[in-house]
Amino acid sequence: GSPAADGAVVFGVPGAGAVDAATTDENGRFEIPAEPGVTVDATFFQNVSDDGPQLPRDGVPDFALVGDGQYTLDSSVDVTEALPAANRLQIQVVDDTGTPVGDREVNVSVAPRHDGSADDGLGAGFQFQELEDGAVVTPAGEPGVELVGPVAIRVTPRGDRTRFGDASVTRNVTVDENETVTLTLPTESRPPTARLTLNRSNVLVDEAVRLNGTTSSDNVGIADGRVTVGGPDGERTFRRPVAAFTPTAPGTYEVTLNVTDPAGNRDETTRTVTVRQRADVSYDFELSGFVAGQVPPNENLTVTATASNDGAATVERTVALRVDG
């Protein structure tokens, strides 16, 4: 029956968020300007100071809906509401292997659910950035929070998010006894997408092929990319996504790009390069149909060319004849 002094009462229009707040005096009373006929949510927060909520361990809810949580304001409202006794809610955050999550990795928000059911009724609440062995602690270092009734707990990654990506978890609970709630935040499991381009895929021996894997993508980022080239002249690995290689033997070469994101998820893609031998050509020419040194007018001149190669390429040669006089 003691007055709830030095607390804050936050008012909000349902669906529009907080619109006003007031501090309770030594008698537990507060006043706010109101537009007649407007329905508002009302949430009480205990012992709020300039340094933020203190959350003492005294059996009083750290926050609670006032009455049924909603008021339709008239020119004046004078209602006495009794805050219910609180229960201790301890919140544990682990990853999908059961390992406690550190406070540098996540934020934990705890707020009343004004509609009593879904997290879209999430009202004003507390945000915790200090965890000890994965458990939420108050600014004074006490584990858990004192609450009662329907609340929503939301865990979101913070920092560089390399471990959890953009995952978040929300749990709706009704606090009617002392309990511990464990929320599992899944580690980032979406693999990257490997993309590899070649400047050419059909070349001759000793012609360079340039490789580029920088268009690979991931929702968090690419942590590592490397290219492996395997073919008749052996295997070579480049520990970067941009490289070039020069084949020294004909045949088929497989070029594989492997990319990894910060959470260790992988993807790879493979391209094929065909390498042909350079042509080894020999040829002879024989001229007939004229007397050496003379080309009779209106006579046919026959040029016989004999060429051979190893079948690796088509070669063209031009024979030029010059006639003087």
C-alpha atoms as a PDB file:
ATOM      1  CA  GLY A   1       0.000   0.000   0.000  1.00  0.00           C
ATOM      2  CA  SER A   2       3.012   2.354   0.004  1.00  0.00           C
ATOM      3  CA  PRO A   3       3.003   5.100  -2.660  1.00  0.00           C
ATOM      4  CA  ALA A   4       5.087   4.299  -5.743  1.00  0.00           C
ATOM      5  CA  ALA A   5       7.210   7.438  -5.609  1.00  0.00           C
ATOM      6  CA  ASP A   6       9.935   8.527  -8.031  1.00  0.00           C
ATOM      7  CA  GLY A   7       8.645   6.294 -10.782  1.00  0.00           C
ATOM      8  CA  ALA A   8       7.843   7.123 -14.379  1.00  0.00           C
ATOM      9  CA  VAL A   9       4.540   6.558 -16.111  1.00  0.00           C
ATOM     10  CA  VAL A  10       4.807   6.419 -19.894  1.00  0.00           C
ATOM     11  CA  PHE A  11       1.721   7.023 -22.002  1.00  0.00           C
ATOM     12  CA  GLY A  12       1.324   6.044 -25.598  1.00  0.00           C
ATOM     13  CA  VAL A  13      -1.432   5.922 -28.157  1.00  0.00           C
ATOM     14  CA  PRO A  14      -1.939   2.264 -29.181  1.00  0.00           C
ATOM     15  CA  GLY A  15      -0.043   1.600 -32.397  1.00  0.00           C
ATOM     16  CA  ALA A  16       1.706   4.992 -32.314  1.00  0.00           C
ATOM     17  CA  GLY A  17       4.290   4.506 -29.546  1.00  0.00           C
ATOM     18  CA  ALA A  18       5.083   6.654 -26.512  1.00  0.00           C
ATOM     19  CA  VAL A  19       3.655  10.172 -26.595  1.00  0.00           C
ATOM     20  CA  ASP A  20       4.172  11.499 -23.068  1.00  0.00           C
ATOM     21  CA  ALA A  21       5.570  10.650 -19.645  1.00  0.00           C
ATOM     22  CA  ALA A  22       5.247  11.827 -16.072  1.00  0.00           C
ATOM     23  CA  THR A  23       7.065  11.223 -12.772  1.00  0.00           C
ATOM     24  CA  THR A  24       5.190  10.097  -9.676  1.00  0.00           C
ATOM     25  CA  ASP A  25       5.502  12.317  -6.596  1.00  0.00           C
ATOM     26  CA  GLU A  26       5.970  11.200  -2.990  1.00  0.00           C
ATOM     27  CA  ASN A  27       2.297  10.229  -2.921  1.00  0.00           C
ATOM     28  CA  GLY A  28       2.552   8.186  -6.095  1.00  0.00           C
ATOM     29  CA  ARG A  29       0.504  10.731  -8.040  1.00  0.00           C
ATOM     30  CA  PHE A  30       1.233  12.106 -11.503  1.00  0.00           C
ATOM     31  CA  GLU A  31      -0.340  14.423 -14.042  1.00  0.00           C
ATOM     32  CA  ILE A  32      -0.156  14.619 -17.807  1.00  0.00           C
ATOM     33  CA  PRO A  33      -1.847  16.932 -20.303  1.00  0.00           C
ATOM     34  CA  ALA A  34      -4.519  15.005 -22.154  1.00  0.00           C
ATOM     35  CA  GLU A  35      -6.824  15.433 -25.085  1.00  0.00           C
ATOM     36  CA  PRO A  36     -10.316  14.372 -23.999  1.00  0.00           C
ATOM     37  CA  GLY A  37     -11.551  11.133 -25.498  1.00  0.00           C
ATOM     38  CA  VAL A  38      -8.103   9.795 -26.456  1.00  0.00           C
ATOM     39  CA  THR A  39      -7.318   6.226 -25.368  1.00  0.00           C
ATOM     40  CA  VAL A  40      -3.758   5.695 -24.138  1.00  0.00           C
ATOM     41  CA  ASP A  41      -1.557   2.879 -22.836  1.00  0.00           C
ATOM     42  CA  ALA A  42      -0.030   3.433 -19.407  1.00  0.00           C
ATOM     43  CA  THR A  43       3.128   1.720 -18.148  1.00  0.00           C
ATOM     44  CA  PHE A  44       4.817   2.312 -14.785  1.00  0.00           C
ATOM     45  CA  PHE A  45       8.628   2.162 -14.461  1.00  0.00           C
ATOM     46  CA  GLN A  46      10.158   1.951 -11.004  1.00  0.00           C
ATOM     47  CA  ASN A  47      12.825   4.337  -9.677  1.00  0.00           C
ATOM     48  CA  VAL A  48      13.874   6.031 -12.894  1.00  0.00           C
ATOM     49  CA  SER A  49      16.681   8.563 -12.384  1.00  0.00           C
ATOM     50  CA  ASP A  50      18.890  10.680 -14.597  1.00  0.00           C
ATOM     51  CA  ASP A  51      21.236   7.688 -14.732  1.00  0.00           C
ATOM     52  CA  GLY A  52      18.481   5.427 -16.028  1.00  0.00           C
ATOM     53  CA  PRO A  53      16.390   2.763 -14.284  1.00  0.00           C
ATOM     54  CA  GLN A  54      17.942   1.425 -11.077  1.00  0.00           C
ATOM     55  CA  LEU A  55      15.845  -1.768 -10.886  1.00  0.00           C
ATOM     56  CA  PRO A  56      16.120  -2.439  -7.133  1.00  0.00           C
ATOM     57  CA  ARG A  57      15.351  -5.878  -5.724  1.00  0.00           C
ATOM     58  CA  ASP A  58      12.278  -5.080  -3.601  1.00  0.00           C
ATOM     59  CA  GLY A  59       9.426  -7.192  -4.958  1.00  0.00           C
ATOM     60  CA  VAL A  60       7.984  -4.235  -6.891  1.00  0.00           C
ATOM     61  CA  PRO A  61       7.770  -4.684 -10.680  1.00  0.00           C
ATOM     62  CA  ASP A  62      10.567  -2.936 -12.543  1.00  0.00           C
ATOM     63  CA  PHE A  63       7.819  -2.083 -14.996  1.00  0.00           C
ATOM     64  CA  ALA A  64       4.163  -3.000 -15.172  1.00  0.00           C
ATOM     65  CA  LEU A  65       1.009  -2.015 -16.974  1.00  0.00           C
ATOM     66  CA  VAL A  66      -1.036   0.394 -14.873  1.00  0.00           C
ATOM     67  CA  GLY A  67      -4.432  -1.155 -14.214  1.00  0.00           C
ATOM     68  CA  ASP A  68      -5.625  -2.842 -17.388  1.00  0.00           C
ATOM     69  CA  GLY A  69      -3.014  -0.863 -19.314  1.00  0.00           C
ATOM     70  CA  GLN A  70      -5.393   1.513 -21.123  1.00  0.00           C
ATOM     71  CA  TYR A  71      -7.268   4.677 -20.216  1.00  0.00           C
ATOM     72  CA  THR A  72      -9.658   6.885 -22.115  1.00  0.00           C
ATOM     73  CA  LEU A  73      -8.829  10.361 -20.870  1.00  0.00           C
ATOM     74  CA  ASP A  74     -11.454  12.911 -19.888  1.00  0.00           C
ATOM     75  CA  SER A  75     -10.884  16.371 -18.523  1.00  0.00           C
ATOM     76  CA  SER A  76      -9.509  14.703 -15.399  1.00  0.00           C
ATOM     77  CA  VAL A  77      -8.906  11.160 -14.239  1.00  0.00           C
ATOM     78  CA  ASP A  78      -8.341  10.298 -10.593  1.00  0.00           C
ATOM     79  CA  VAL A  79      -7.752   6.588 -10.200  1.00  0.00           C
ATOM     80  CA  THR A  80      -5.845   4.641  -7.578  1.00  0.00           C
ATOM     81  CA  GLU A  81      -4.094   1.576  -8.946  1.00  0.00           C
ATOM     82  CA  ALA A  82      -2.249  -1.066  -6.938  1.00  0.00           C
ATOM     83  CA  LEU A  83       0.871  -2.502  -8.543  1.00  0.00           C
ATOM     84  CA  PRO A  84       0.912  -6.309  -8.347  1.00  0.00           C
ATOM     85  CA  ALA A  85       3.734  -8.187  -6.637  1.00  0.00           C
ATOM     86  CA  ALA A  86       6.615  -8.957  -8.977  1.00  0.00           C
ATOM     87  CA  ASN A  87       8.302 -12.223  -9.904  1.00  0.00           C
ATOM     88  CA  ARG A  88      11.950 -12.695 -10.820  1.00  0.00           C
ATOM     89  CA  LEU A  89      12.478 -13.270 -14.544  1.00  0.00           C
ATOM     90  CA  GLN A  90      15.978 -14.389 -15.426  1.00  0.00           C
ATOM     91  CA  ILE A  91      16.969 -14.206 -19.083  1.00  0.00           C
ATOM     92  CA  GLN A  92      19.691 -16.367 -20.592  1.00  0.00           C
ATOM     93  CA  VAL A  93      20.968 -15.921 -24.165  1.00  0.00           C
ATOM     94  CA  VAL A  94      22.845 -18.747 -25.912  1.00  0.00           C
ATOM     95  CA  ASP A  95      23.864 -19.570 -29.459  1.00  0.00           C
ATOM     96  CA  ASP A  96      22.628 -22.635 -31.321  1.00  0.00           C
ATOM     97  CA  THR A  97      25.352 -24.775 -29.730  1.00  0.00           C
ATOM     98  CA  GLY A  98      24.209 -23.804 -26.223  1.00  0.00           C
ATOM     99  CA  THR A  99      27.207 -21.530 -25.614  1.00  0.00           C
ATOM    100  CA  PRO A 100      26.393 -18.346 -23.616  1.00  0.00           C
ATOM    101  CA  VAL A 101      26.463 -15.185 -25.720  1.00  0.00           C
ATOM    102  CA  GLY A 102      28.623 -12.242 -24.671  1.00  0.00           C
ATOM    103  CA  ASP A 103      27.289  -8.756 -24.007  1.00  0.00           C
ATOM    104  CA  ARG A 104      29.376  -7.266 -26.797  1.00  0.00           C
ATOM    105  CA  GLU A 105      27.374  -9.255 -29.327  1.00  0.00           C
ATOM    106  CA  VAL A 106      23.697  -8.633 -28.534  1.00  0.00           C
ATOM    107  CA  ASN A 107      21.126  -6.254 -27.099  1.00  0.00           C
ATOM    108  CA  VAL A 108      18.303  -7.638 -24.965  1.00  0.00           C
ATOM    109  CA  SER A 109      15.055  -5.650 -24.859  1.00  0.00           C
ATOM    110  CA  VAL A 110      12.316  -6.402 -22.343  1.00  0.00           C
ATOM    111  CA  ALA A 111       8.976  -4.625 -22.643  1.00  0.00           C
ATOM    112  CA  PRO A 112       5.319  -5.057 -21.669  1.00  0.00           C
ATOM    113  CA  ARG A 113       2.885  -6.377 -24.266  1.00  0.00           C
ATOM    114  CA  HIS A 114      -0.073  -4.061 -24.147  1.00  0.00           C
ATOM    115  CA  ASP A 115      -2.312  -6.360 -26.132  1.00  0.00           C
ATOM    116  CA  GLY A 116      -1.248  -9.325 -24.002  1.00  0.00           C
ATOM    117  CA  SER A 117      -0.509 -11.550 -26.983  1.00  0.00           C
ATOM    118  CA  ALA A 118       1.806 -10.615 -29.831  1.00  0.00           C
ATOM    119  CA  ASP A 119       5.098  -8.788 -30.021  1.00  0.00           C
ATOM    120  CA  ASP A 120       3.527  -6.133 -32.242  1.00  0.00           C
ATOM    121  CA  GLY A 121       2.060  -4.897 -28.959  1.00  0.00           C
ATOM    122  CA  LEU A 122       5.587  -4.231 -27.682  1.00  0.00           C
ATOM    123  CA  GLY A 123       5.555  -1.082 -25.580  1.00  0.00           C
ATOM    124  CA  ALA A 124       8.238   1.003 -23.897  1.00  0.00           C
ATOM    125  CA  GLY A 125      10.687  -1.117 -21.927  1.00  0.00           C
ATOM    126  CA  PHE A 126      14.317  -1.643 -20.955  1.00  0.00           C
ATOM    127  CA  GLN A 127      17.332  -2.470 -23.066  1.00  0.00           C
ATOM    128  CA  PHE A 128      20.200  -4.429 -21.531  1.00  0.00           C
ATOM    129  CA  GLN A 129      23.714  -4.455 -22.930  1.00  0.00           C
ATOM    130  CA  GLU A 130      25.369  -6.159 -19.969  1.00  0.00           C
ATOM    131  CA  LEU A 131      25.338  -9.928 -19.763  1.00  0.00           C
ATOM    132  CA  GLU A 132      27.289 -12.180 -17.431  1.00  0.00           C
ATOM    133  CA  ASP A 133      27.827 -15.649 -18.853  1.00  0.00           C
ATOM    134  CA  GLY A 134      24.931 -14.992 -21.213  1.00  0.00           C
ATOM    135  CA  ALA A 135      22.550 -13.834 -18.439  1.00  0.00           C
ATOM    136  CA  VAL A 136      20.940 -10.389 -18.244  1.00  0.00           C
ATOM    137  CA  VAL A 137      22.031  -8.341 -15.216  1.00  0.00           C
ATOM    138  CA  THR A 138      20.768  -5.015 -13.891  1.00  0.00           C
ATOM    139  CA  PRO A 139      22.929  -1.867 -13.696  1.00  0.00           C
ATOM    140  CA  ALA A 140      23.625  -2.880 -10.081  1.00  0.00           C
ATOM    141  CA  GLY A 141      24.878  -6.286 -11.235  1.00  0.00           C
ATOM    142  CA  GLU A 142      21.824  -8.232 -10.070  1.00  0.00           C
ATOM    143  CA  PRO A 143      20.678 -11.093 -12.305  1.00  0.00           C
ATOM    144  CA  GLY A 144      17.271 -10.873 -13.933  1.00  0.00           C
ATOM    145  CA  VAL A 145      14.430  -8.366 -13.705  1.00  0.00           C
ATOM    146  CA  GLU A 146      11.326  -8.169 -11.508  1.00  0.00           C
ATOM    147  CA  LEU A 147       8.215  -8.281 -13.670  1.00  0.00           C
ATOM    148  CA  VAL A 148       4.622  -9.400 -13.795  1.00  0.00           C
ATOM    149  CA  GLY A 149       2.149 -10.072 -16.570  1.00  0.00           C
ATOM    150  CA  PRO A 150       2.627 -10.289 -20.345  1.00  0.00           C
ATOM    151  CA  VAL A 151       6.039  -9.187 -21.605  1.00  0.00           C
ATOM    152  CA  ALA A 152       8.085  -9.550 -24.770  1.00  0.00           C
ATOM    153  CA  ILE A 153      11.815 -10.300 -24.818  1.00  0.00           C
ATOM    154  CA  ARG A 154      13.775  -9.487 -27.945  1.00  0.00           C
ATOM    155  CA  VAL A 155      17.421 -10.323 -28.663  1.00  0.00           C
ATOM    156  CA  THR A 156      19.186  -8.582 -31.547  1.00  0.00           C
ATOM    157  CA  PRO A 157      22.843  -8.712 -32.629  1.00  0.00           C
ATOM    158  CA  ARG A 158      25.008  -5.622 -32.355  1.00  0.00           C
ATOM    159  CA  GLY A 159      28.541  -4.653 -33.296  1.00  0.00           C
ATOM    160  CA  ASP A 160      29.894  -6.037 -36.561  1.00  0.00           C
ATOM    161  CA  ARG A 161      27.308  -8.862 -36.529  1.00  0.00           C
ATOM    162  CA  THR A 162      29.757 -11.296 -38.080  1.00  0.00           C
ATOM    163  CA  ARG A 163      28.635 -14.149 -35.846  1.00  0.00           C
ATOM    164  CA  PHE A 164      24.860 -13.740 -35.970  1.00  0.00           C
ATOM    165  CA  GLY A 165      24.256 -11.673 -39.102  1.00  0.00           C
ATOM    166  CA  ASP A 166      20.924  -9.845 -38.954  1.00  0.00           C
ATOM    167  CA  ALA A 167      19.084 -12.541 -37.002  1.00  0.00           C
ATOM    168  CA  SER A 168      16.834 -11.629 -34.075  1.00  0.00           C
ATOM    169  CA  VAL A 169      14.670 -13.622 -31.679  1.00  0.00           C
ATOM    170  CA  THR A 170      11.510 -12.534 -29.835  1.00  0.00           C
ATOM    171  CA  ARG A 171       9.859 -14.521 -27.055  1.00  0.00           C
ATOM    172  CA  ASN A 172       6.468 -13.666 -25.559  1.00  0.00           C
ATOM    173  CA  VAL A 173       5.998 -14.788 -21.966  1.00  0.00           C
ATOM    174  CA  THR A 174       3.538 -14.179 -19.158  1.00  0.00           C
ATOM    175  CA  VAL A 175       5.393 -13.717 -15.888  1.00  0.00           C
ATOM    176  CA  ASP A 176       3.296 -15.201 -13.088  1.00  0.00           C
ATOM    177  CA  GLU A 177       6.077 -16.930 -11.143  1.00  0.00           C
ATOM    178  CA  ASN A 178       9.840 -16.869 -10.754  1.00  0.00           C
ATOM    179  CA  GLU A 179      11.326 -18.411 -13.873  1.00  0.00           C
ATOM    180  CA  THR A 180      14.287 -18.536 -16.235  1.00  0.00           C
ATOM    181  CA  VAL A 181      13.792 -18.040 -19.959  1.00  0.00           C
ATOM    182  CA  THR A 182      16.487 -19.128 -22.413  1.00  0.00           C
ATOM    183  CA  LEU A 183      16.580 -17.566 -25.865  1.00  0.00           C
ATOM    184  CA  THR A 184      18.650 -19.180 -28.599  1.00  0.00           C
ATOM    185  CA  LEU A 185      20.105 -16.814 -31.171  1.00  0.00           C
ATOM    186  CA  PRO A 186      21.079 -18.795 -34.281  1.00  0.00           C
ATOM    187  CA  THR A 187      24.518 -18.193 -35.693  1.00  0.00           C
ATOM    188  CA  GLU A 188      24.719 -16.920 -39.231  1.00  0.00           C
ATOM    189  CA  SER A 189      23.987 -19.890 -41.509  1.00  0.00           C
ATOM    190  CA  ARG A 190      23.270 -18.339 -44.890  1.00  0.00           C
ATOM    191  CA  PRO A 191      26.165 -19.172 -47.212  1.00  0.00           C
ATOM    192  CA  PRO A 192      27.789 -16.636 -49.510  1.00  0.00           C
ATOM    193  CA  THR A 193      27.380 -16.772 -53.282  1.00  0.00           C
ATOM    194  CA  ALA A 194      30.581 -17.407 -55.234  1.00  0.00           C
ATOM    195  CA  ARG A 195      30.851 -15.726 -58.636  1.00  0.00           C
ATOM    196  CA  LEU A 196      33.866 -16.138 -60.921  1.00  0.00           C
ATOM    197  CA  THR A 197      34.550 -14.489 -64.268  1.00  0.00           C
ATOM    198  CA  LEU A 198      37.335 -15.261 -66.780  1.00  0.00           C
ATOM    199  CA  ASN A 199      38.590 -12.938 -69.480  1.00  0.00           C
ATOM    200  CA  ARG A 200      38.763 -15.981 -71.829  1.00  0.00           C
ATOM    201  CA  SER A 201      37.981 -19.683 -71.661  1.00  0.00           C
ATOM    202  CA  ASN A 202      39.654 -20.911 -74.880  1.00  0.00           C
ATOM    203  CA  VAL A 203      43.333 -20.055 -75.269  1.00  0.00           C
ATOM    204  CA  LEU A 204      46.647 -21.239 -76.688  1.00  0.00           C
ATOM    205  CA  VAL A 205      49.550 -22.484 -74.603  1.00  0.00           C
ATOM    206  CA  ASP A 206      51.420 -19.593 -72.918  1.00  0.00           C
ATOM    207  CA  GLU A 207      48.459 -17.202 -73.193  1.00  0.00           C
ATOM    208  CA  ALA A 208      47.449 -15.687 -69.832  1.00  0.00           C
ATOM    209  CA  VAL A 209      43.969 -16.141 -68.335  1.00  0.00           C
ATOM    210  CA  ARG A 210      42.732 -13.543 -65.837  1.00  0.00           C
ATOM    211  CA  LEU A 211      40.370 -14.562 -63.011  1.00  0.00           C
ATOM    212  CA  ASN A 212      38.061 -12.318 -60.971  1.00  0.00           C
ATOM    213  CA  GLY A 213      35.923 -13.401 -58.010  1.00  0.00           C
ATOM    214  CA  THR A 214      35.252  -9.972 -56.490  1.00  0.00           C
ATOM    215  CA  THR A 215      31.568  -9.993 -57.483  1.00  0.00           C
ATOM    216  CA  SER A 216      30.913 -12.769 -54.933  1.00  0.00           C
ATOM    217  CA  SER A 217      28.423 -11.669 -52.266  1.00  0.00           C
ATOM    218  CA  ASP A 218      27.197 -12.384 -48.731  1.00  0.00           C
ATOM    219  CA  ASN A 219      24.644 -10.726 -46.451  1.00  0.00           C
ATOM    220  CA  VAL A 220      27.410  -9.959 -43.922  1.00  0.00           C
ATOM    221  CA  GLY A 221      30.511  -9.888 -46.131  1.00  0.00           C
ATOM    222  CA  ILE A 222      33.191 -12.068 -47.682  1.00  0.00           C
ATOM    223  CA  ALA A 223      35.949 -12.920 -45.214  1.00  0.00           C
ATOM    224  CA  ASP A 224      38.138 -15.022 -47.504  1.00  0.00           C
ATOM    225  CA  GLY A 225      38.358 -15.887 -51.191  1.00  0.00           C
ATOM    226  CA  ARG A 226      40.841 -18.110 -52.987  1.00  0.00           C
ATOM    227  CA  VAL A 227      41.216 -19.604 -56.470  1.00  0.00           C
ATOM    228  CA  THR A 228      42.573 -23.049 -57.342  1.00  0.00           C
ATOM    229  CA  VAL A 229      43.638 -23.929 -60.898  1.00  0.00           C
ATOM    230  CA  GLY A 230      44.202 -27.569 -61.825  1.00  0.00           C
ATOM    231  CA  GLY A 231      45.309 -28.882 -65.212  1.00  0.00           C
ATOM    232  CA  PRO A 232      47.886 -30.884 -67.181  1.00  0.00           C
ATOM    233  CA  ASP A 233      50.767 -28.750 -65.911  1.00  0.00           C
ATOM    234  CA  GLY A 234      49.854 -29.183 -62.224  1.00  0.00           C
ATOM    235  CA  GLU A 235      47.839 -27.327 -59.584  1.00  0.00           C
ATOM    236  CA  ARG A 236      48.267 -23.794 -58.319  1.00  0.00           C
ATOM    237  CA  THR A 237      46.384 -21.888 -55.579  1.00  0.00           C
ATOM    238  CA  PHE A 238      45.928 -18.128 -55.257  1.00  0.00           C
ATOM    239  CA  ARG A 239      44.958 -16.889 -51.782  1.00  0.00           C
ATOM    240  CA  ARG A 240      42.990 -13.989 -53.190  1.00  0.00           C
ATOM    241  CA  PRO A 241      39.912 -13.700 -55.431  1.00  0.00           C
ATOM    242  CA  VAL A 242      41.750 -11.893 -58.257  1.00  0.00           C
ATOM    243  CA  ALA A 243      44.582 -13.657 -60.086  1.00  0.00           C
ATOM    244  CA  ALA A 244      45.999 -14.735 -63.453  1.00  0.00           C
ATOM    245  CA  PHE A 245      47.651 -17.915 -64.681  1.00  0.00           C
ATOM    246  CA  THR A 246      49.521 -18.928 -67.830  1.00  0.00           C
ATOM    247  CA  PRO A 247      49.036 -22.564 -68.927  1.00  0.00           C
ATOM    248  CA  THR A 248      52.153 -24.292 -70.221  1.00  0.00           C
ATOM    249  CA  ALA A 249      50.540 -27.456 -71.590  1.00  0.00           C
ATOM    250  CA  PRO A 250      47.467 -28.130 -73.744  1.00  0.00           C
ATOM    251  CA  GLY A 251      44.353 -29.704 -72.250  1.00  0.00           C
ATOM    252  CA  THR A 252      41.436 -28.892 -69.940  1.00  0.00           C
ATOM    253  CA  TYR A 253      41.931 -26.751 -66.832  1.00  0.00           C
ATOM    254  CA  GLU A 254      39.442 -26.429 -63.961  1.00  0.00           C
ATOM    255  CA  VAL A 255      39.366 -23.077 -62.169  1.00  0.00           C
ATOM    256  CA  THR A 256      37.576 -23.106 -58.777  1.00  0.00           C
ATOM    257  CA  LEU A 257      36.741 -20.103 -56.591  1.00  0.00           C
ATOM    258  CA  ASN A 258      36.024 -20.815 -52.904  1.00  0.00           C
ATOM    259  CA  VAL A 259      34.622 -18.006 -50.712  1.00  0.00           C
ATOM    260  CA  THR A 260      33.969 -17.946 -46.951  1.00  0.00           C
ATOM    261  CA  ASP A 261      31.918 -15.512 -44.854  1.00  0.00           C
ATOM    262  CA  PRO A 262      32.813 -14.393 -41.291  1.00  0.00           C
ATOM    263  CA  ALA A 263      30.674 -17.180 -39.779  1.00  0.00           C
ATOM    264  CA  GLY A 264      32.576 -19.852 -41.713  1.00  0.00           C
ATOM    265  CA  ASN A 265      29.866 -20.588 -44.296  1.00  0.00           C
ATOM    266  CA  ARG A 266      31.273 -21.453 -47.718  1.00  0.00           C
ATOM    267  CA  ASP A 267      30.384 -21.563 -51.382  1.00  0.00           C
ATOM    268  CA  GLU A 268      32.350 -22.406 -54.497  1.00  0.00           C
ATOM    269  CA  THR A 269      32.004 -22.273 -58.254  1.00  0.00           C
ATOM    270  CA  THR A 270      34.081 -23.833 -61.052  1.00  0.00           C
ATOM    271  CA  ARG A 271      34.862 -22.739 -64.605  1.00  0.00           C
ATOM    272  CA  THR A 272      36.630 -24.689 -67.377  1.00  0.00           C
ATOM    273  CA  VAL A 273      39.417 -23.384 -69.615  1.00  0.00           C
ATOM    274  CA  THR A 274      40.410 -25.209 -72.813  1.00  0.00           C
ATOM    275  CA  VAL A 275      44.062 -24.807 -73.822  1.00  0.00           C
ATOM    276  CA  ARG A 276      45.268 -25.651 -77.365  1.00  0.00           C
ATOM    277  CA  GLN A 277      48.793 -26.253 -78.593  1.00  0.00           C
ATOM    278  CA  ARG A 278      50.326 -23.627 -80.799  1.00  0.00           C
ATOM    279  CA  ALA A 279      50.652 -24.778 -84.465  1.00  0.00           C
ATOM    280  CA  ASP A 280      53.975 -26.214 -85.717  1.00  0.00           C
ATOM    281  CA  VAL A 281      53.775 -25.670 -89.508  1.00  0.00           C
ATOM    282  CA  SER A 282      56.182 -26.414 -92.382  1.00  0.00           C
ATOM    283  CA  TYR A 283      55.527 -25.666 -96.035  1.00  0.00           C
ATOM    284  CA  ASP A 284      57.221 -25.781 -99.492  1.00  0.00           C
ATOM    285  CA  PHE A 285      56.410 -24.005-102.756  1.00  0.00           C
ATOM    286  CA  GLU A 286      57.067 -25.164-106.327  1.00  0.00           C
ATOM    287  CA  LEU A 287      56.511 -23.005-109.396  1.00  0.00           C
ATOM    288  CA  SER A 288      55.990 -24.488-112.876  1.00  0.00           C
ATOM    289  CA  GLY A 289      54.795 -23.416-116.336  1.00  0.00           C
ATOM    290  CA  PHE A 290      57.556 -21.005-117.235  1.00  0.00           C
ATOM    291  CA  VAL A 291      61.220 -20.841-118.139  1.00  0.00           C
ATOM    292  CA  ALA A 292      63.382 -19.720-115.292  1.00  0.00           C
ATOM    293  CA  GLY A 293      63.559 -15.981-115.301  1.00  0.00           C
ATOM    294  CA  GLN A 294      60.748 -15.579-117.868  1.00  0.00           C
ATOM    295  CA  VAL A 295      56.973 -15.469-117.655  1.00  0.00           C
ATOM    296  CA  PRO A 296      55.404 -15.853-121.124  1.00  0.00           C
ATOM    297  CA  PRO A 297      52.403 -13.587-121.738  1.00  0.00           C
ATOM    298  CA  ASN A 298      48.986 -15.208-121.617  1.00  0.00           C
ATOM    299  CA  GLU A 299      50.451 -18.391-120.187  1.00  0.00           C
ATOM    300  CA  ASN A 300      49.244 -20.167-117.078  1.00  0.00           C
ATOM    301  CA  LEU A 301      51.477 -20.034-114.048  1.00  0.00           C
ATOM    302  CA  THR A 302      51.081 -22.849-111.547  1.00  0.00           C
ATOM    303  CA  VAL A 303      51.989 -22.500-107.868  1.00  0.00           C
ATOM    304  CA  THR A 304      52.061 -25.733-105.891  1.00  0.00           C
ATOM    305  CA  ALA A 305      52.190 -25.363-102.090  1.00  0.00           C
ATOM    306  CA  THR A 306      52.692 -28.232 -99.688  1.00  0.00           C
ATOM    307  CA  ALA A 307      52.028 -27.545 -95.981  1.00  0.00           C
ATOM    308  CA  SER A 308      51.817 -29.746 -92.917  1.00  0.00           C
ATOM    309  CA  ASN A 309      51.135 -29.194 -89.202  1.00  0.00           C
ATOM    310  CA  ASP A 310      50.312 -31.197 -86.116  1.00  0.00           C
ATOM    311  CA  GLY A 311      46.570 -30.706 -86.475  1.00  0.00           C
ATOM    312  CA  ALA A 312      46.375 -28.264 -83.591  1.00  0.00           C
ATOM    313  CA  ALA A 313      45.591 -25.212 -85.691  1.00  0.00           C
ATOM    314  CA  THR A 314      44.633 -23.897 -89.106  1.00  0.00           C
ATOM    315  CA  VAL A 315      47.365 -21.855 -90.760  1.00  0.00           C
ATOM    316  CA  GLU A 316      47.060 -19.567 -93.737  1.00  0.00           C
ATOM    317  CA  ARG A 317      50.033 -18.436 -95.843  1.00  0.00           C
ATOM    318  CA  THR A 318      50.114 -16.061 -98.805  1.00  0.00           C
ATOM    319  CA  VAL A 319      52.490 -16.393-101.818  1.00  0.00           C
ATOM    320  CA  ALA A 320      53.254 -13.136-103.629  1.00  0.00           C
ATOM    321  CA  LEU A 321      54.731 -13.063-107.173  1.00  0.00           C
ATOM    322  CA  ARG A 322      56.157  -9.981-108.756  1.00  0.00           C
ATOM    323  CA  VAL A 323      56.416  -9.673-112.545  1.00  0.00           C
ATOM    324  CA  ASP A 324      58.630  -6.978-114.059  1.00  0.00           C
ATOM    325  CA  GLY A 325      58.459  -5.948-117.729  1.00  0.00           C
END
